[in-house]
Protein backbone atom coordinates (compact mmCIF):
# COMPACT_ATOMS: atom_id res chain seq x y z
CA GLU A 1 -13.83 22.99 -49.88
CA SER A 2 -17.21 22.06 -51.21
CA GLY A 3 -19.80 19.44 -50.40
CA GLN A 4 -20.75 17.14 -53.27
CA ARG A 5 -23.35 14.45 -53.61
CA SER A 6 -23.03 11.30 -55.57
CA GLU A 7 -25.64 8.61 -55.77
CA ASN A 8 -24.53 6.59 -52.76
CA ILE A 9 -21.92 8.66 -50.92
CA VAL A 10 -21.82 12.08 -49.31
CA VAL A 11 -18.27 13.38 -49.62
CA LEU A 12 -16.22 16.34 -48.58
CA ALA A 13 -13.90 17.35 -51.37
CA ASN A 14 -10.78 19.43 -50.90
CA ARG A 15 -9.50 21.31 -53.87
CA SER A 16 -5.95 22.36 -53.23
CA LYS A 17 -3.07 23.07 -55.57
CA GLU A 18 -1.12 20.05 -54.34
CA LYS A 19 -3.69 17.28 -54.58
CA ASP A 20 -7.35 16.44 -54.78
CA PHE A 21 -8.87 13.97 -52.35
CA GLU A 22 -12.25 12.99 -51.09
CA VAL A 23 -13.18 11.86 -47.60
CA LYS A 24 -16.11 9.49 -47.37
CA LEU A 25 -18.42 10.74 -44.61
CA VAL A 26 -21.58 8.66 -44.90
CA ASN A 27 -22.54 5.77 -47.10
CA ARG A 28 -26.10 6.69 -48.10
CA LYS A 29 -26.99 3.12 -48.93
CA ASN A 30 -26.16 1.88 -45.43
CA ALA A 31 -27.53 4.97 -43.70
CA THR A 32 -31.01 4.62 -45.17
CA ARG A 33 -31.47 0.86 -45.39
CA ILE A 34 -33.78 -1.00 -43.07
CA ALA A 35 -31.95 -3.00 -40.39
CA LEU A 36 -31.67 -6.70 -40.93
CA PRO A 37 -32.52 -9.19 -38.16
CA ASP A 38 -28.84 -10.20 -37.96
CA ASP A 39 -27.92 -6.61 -37.12
CA LEU A 40 -30.11 -6.69 -34.02
CA VAL A 41 -28.60 -10.00 -32.93
CA GLN A 42 -25.09 -8.63 -33.38
CA LEU A 43 -26.01 -5.49 -31.44
CA ALA A 44 -27.48 -7.56 -28.60
CA GLU A 45 -24.36 -9.78 -28.52
CA HIS A 46 -22.15 -6.70 -28.44
CA ILE A 47 -24.12 -5.21 -25.53
CA LYS A 48 -23.98 -8.55 -23.69
CA ARG A 49 -20.18 -8.80 -24.17
CA ALA A 50 -19.75 -5.19 -23.04
CA ASP A 51 -21.84 -5.87 -19.92
CA GLU A 52 -19.80 -9.01 -19.12
CA MET A 53 -16.50 -7.19 -19.62
CA CYS A 54 -17.64 -4.30 -17.45
CA ARG A 55 -18.77 -6.74 -14.75
CA HIS A 56 -15.47 -8.69 -14.83
CA SER A 57 -13.42 -5.51 -14.78
CA THR A 58 -15.41 -4.14 -11.84
CA LEU A 59 -15.13 -7.43 -9.93
CA ASN A 60 -11.35 -7.53 -10.48
CA LYS A 61 -10.95 -3.98 -9.22
CA LEU A 62 -13.16 -4.64 -6.18
CA THR A 63 -11.17 -7.81 -5.42
CA VAL A 64 -7.95 -5.78 -5.36
CA ILE A 65 -9.59 -3.24 -3.03
CA ALA A 66 -10.88 -6.05 -0.77
CA ASP A 67 -7.33 -7.47 -0.55
CA GLN A 68 -6.02 -4.02 0.36
CA ILE A 69 -8.70 -3.65 3.04
CA ARG A 70 -7.74 -7.03 4.55
CA TYR A 71 -4.07 -6.03 4.52
CA LEU A 72 -4.85 -2.69 6.19
CA GLN A 73 -7.04 -4.43 8.80
CA HIS A 74 -4.14 -6.78 9.57
CA GLN A 75 -1.76 -3.82 9.88
CA ALA A 76 -4.22 -1.98 12.14
CA ALA A 77 -4.53 -5.04 14.38
CA ASP A 78 -0.71 -5.26 14.59
CA VAL A 79 -0.46 -1.55 15.47
CA ILE A 80 -3.06 -1.94 18.23
CA LYS A 81 -1.35 -5.07 19.55
CA ARG A 82 2.04 -3.30 19.67
CA ALA A 83 0.50 -0.21 21.26
CA ASN A 84 -1.06 -2.32 24.02
CA ARG A 85 2.26 -4.10 24.57
CA ASP A 86 4.10 -0.75 24.67
CA LEU A 87 1.59 0.64 27.19
CA TYR A 88 2.08 -2.43 29.35
CA LEU A 89 5.90 -2.28 29.11
CA ASN A 90 5.92 1.46 29.88
CA SER A 91 3.91 0.79 33.04
CA ILE A 92 6.30 -1.83 34.41
CA LYS A 93 8.15 -0.58 37.43
CA CYS A 94 11.89 -0.23 37.57
CA ASN A 95 14.34 1.58 39.85
CA PHE A 96 15.90 3.75 37.13
CA VAL A 97 14.93 6.17 34.38
CA LYS A 98 14.57 4.38 31.05
CA GLN A 99 16.85 5.82 28.37
CA PRO A 100 16.08 5.53 24.63
CA GLY A 101 18.45 3.22 22.81
CA GLN A 102 19.11 1.05 25.87
CA ILE A 103 18.25 -2.61 26.20
CA TYR A 104 16.17 -3.71 29.16
CA HIS A 105 15.41 -7.21 30.35
CA LEU A 106 11.96 -8.14 31.56
CA TYR A 107 11.70 -10.45 34.56
CA GLU A 108 8.87 -11.77 36.68
CA HIS A 109 9.14 -11.94 40.45
CA GLY A 110 8.40 -15.56 41.35
CA LYS A 111 6.51 -14.92 44.58
CA THR A 112 4.26 -12.04 43.46
CA ASP A 113 4.09 -12.62 39.67
CA GLU A 114 4.96 -8.94 39.37
CA SER A 115 6.96 -7.86 36.29
CA LEU A 116 10.07 -5.69 36.50
CA PHE A 117 12.78 -4.35 34.23
CA SER A 118 16.48 -4.75 34.82
CA ARG A 119 19.60 -3.66 32.96
CA ILE A 120 21.22 -6.95 33.91
CA ALA A 121 20.93 -9.63 31.21
CA PRO A 122 20.11 -13.22 32.17
CA GLU A 123 23.64 -14.27 31.14
CA GLU A 124 25.09 -11.76 33.60
CA TRP A 125 22.97 -13.11 36.44
CA GLY A 126 23.98 -16.67 35.76
CA PRO A 127 22.29 -19.35 37.87
CA SER A 128 21.87 -16.96 40.81
CA CYS A 129 19.10 -14.92 39.11
CA PRO A 130 16.31 -14.37 41.65
CA TYR A 131 13.69 -13.74 38.93
CA LYS A 132 12.14 -15.59 36.02
CA TYR A 133 13.44 -14.17 32.72
CA ILE A 134 10.65 -13.21 30.27
CA ASP A 135 12.19 -11.26 27.36
CA SER A 136 14.54 -8.43 26.34
CA PHE A 137 13.55 -5.16 24.67
CA LYS A 138 15.17 -2.04 23.28
CA PHE A 139 13.54 1.21 24.43
CA GLU A 140 13.02 3.43 21.38
CA PRO A 141 13.04 7.27 21.23
CA ASP A 142 9.28 7.29 20.56
CA MET A 143 8.77 5.35 23.82
CA SER A 144 7.91 2.16 21.96
CA TRP A 145 9.68 -1.13 22.53
CA THR A 146 11.42 -3.44 20.06
CA ARG A 147 11.79 -7.07 20.97
CA ILE A 148 15.49 -7.96 20.72
CA ASP A 149 15.35 -11.43 19.20
CA GLU A 150 12.76 -10.67 16.52
CA ASN A 151 12.85 -7.18 15.10
CA LEU A 152 15.85 -5.27 16.36
CA HIS A 153 18.31 -6.01 13.56
CA LYS A 154 15.75 -5.48 10.80
CA LYS A 155 14.52 -2.25 12.39
CA GLU A 156 18.10 -0.96 12.76
CA GLU A 157 18.85 -1.81 9.11
CA ASP A 158 15.68 -0.01 7.99
CA LEU A 159 16.54 3.01 10.12
CA ALA A 160 20.10 3.13 8.73
CA MET A 161 18.73 3.02 5.17
CA VAL A 162 16.25 5.85 5.87
CA GLU A 163 18.97 7.95 7.52
CA LYS A 164 21.22 7.39 4.49
CA ILE A 165 18.43 8.65 2.22
CA LEU A 166 17.79 11.67 4.44
CA ASP A 167 21.50 12.50 4.60
CA SER A 168 21.93 12.35 0.82
CA LYS A 169 22.41 15.70 -0.88
CA GLY A 170 19.60 15.03 -3.35
CA TYR A 171 17.03 14.72 -0.59
CA CYS A 172 18.25 17.88 1.14
CA ARG A 173 18.04 19.74 -2.17
CA PHE A 174 14.49 18.44 -2.60
CA LEU A 175 13.50 19.74 0.83
CA THR A 176 15.00 23.20 0.32
CA ASN A 177 13.46 23.69 -3.14
CA SER A 178 9.89 22.98 -2.08
């Protein structure tokens, strides 16, 4: 390889047995000429476009992060709301030991406005129920409560799906290989 100079171009020449070729490195004419006013305008426009693109890109990314923050704040509020409800439900008196997986019915004593749990559903009481029925809940193994009419079936489906994944041989293999 040897460096050669021509009038306007600096080249790097490769002399090999297979072929000769030249790679143009610098055009001397353009490298040494004085910049034209249009060049400065084009450069300024390029910088302006780059600044705008950077700004838009940054704003888009920050908007996504702001949406994620709002979503997480909503989830945190739901977790706190459920935790407060679970604390309240765990403090309600009953005359039996609560067992995970069982459904309990929340009633309010009419005279004292005191809440209580019963294993007897409102349908079983019939018209002779001495209490005001409030709601029904399933007591979960983690001592949380799932409202029967809203979330129970979805939660049970989700749990069954997770258990199926955990029971699959692929997941067990993954756990033992780590």
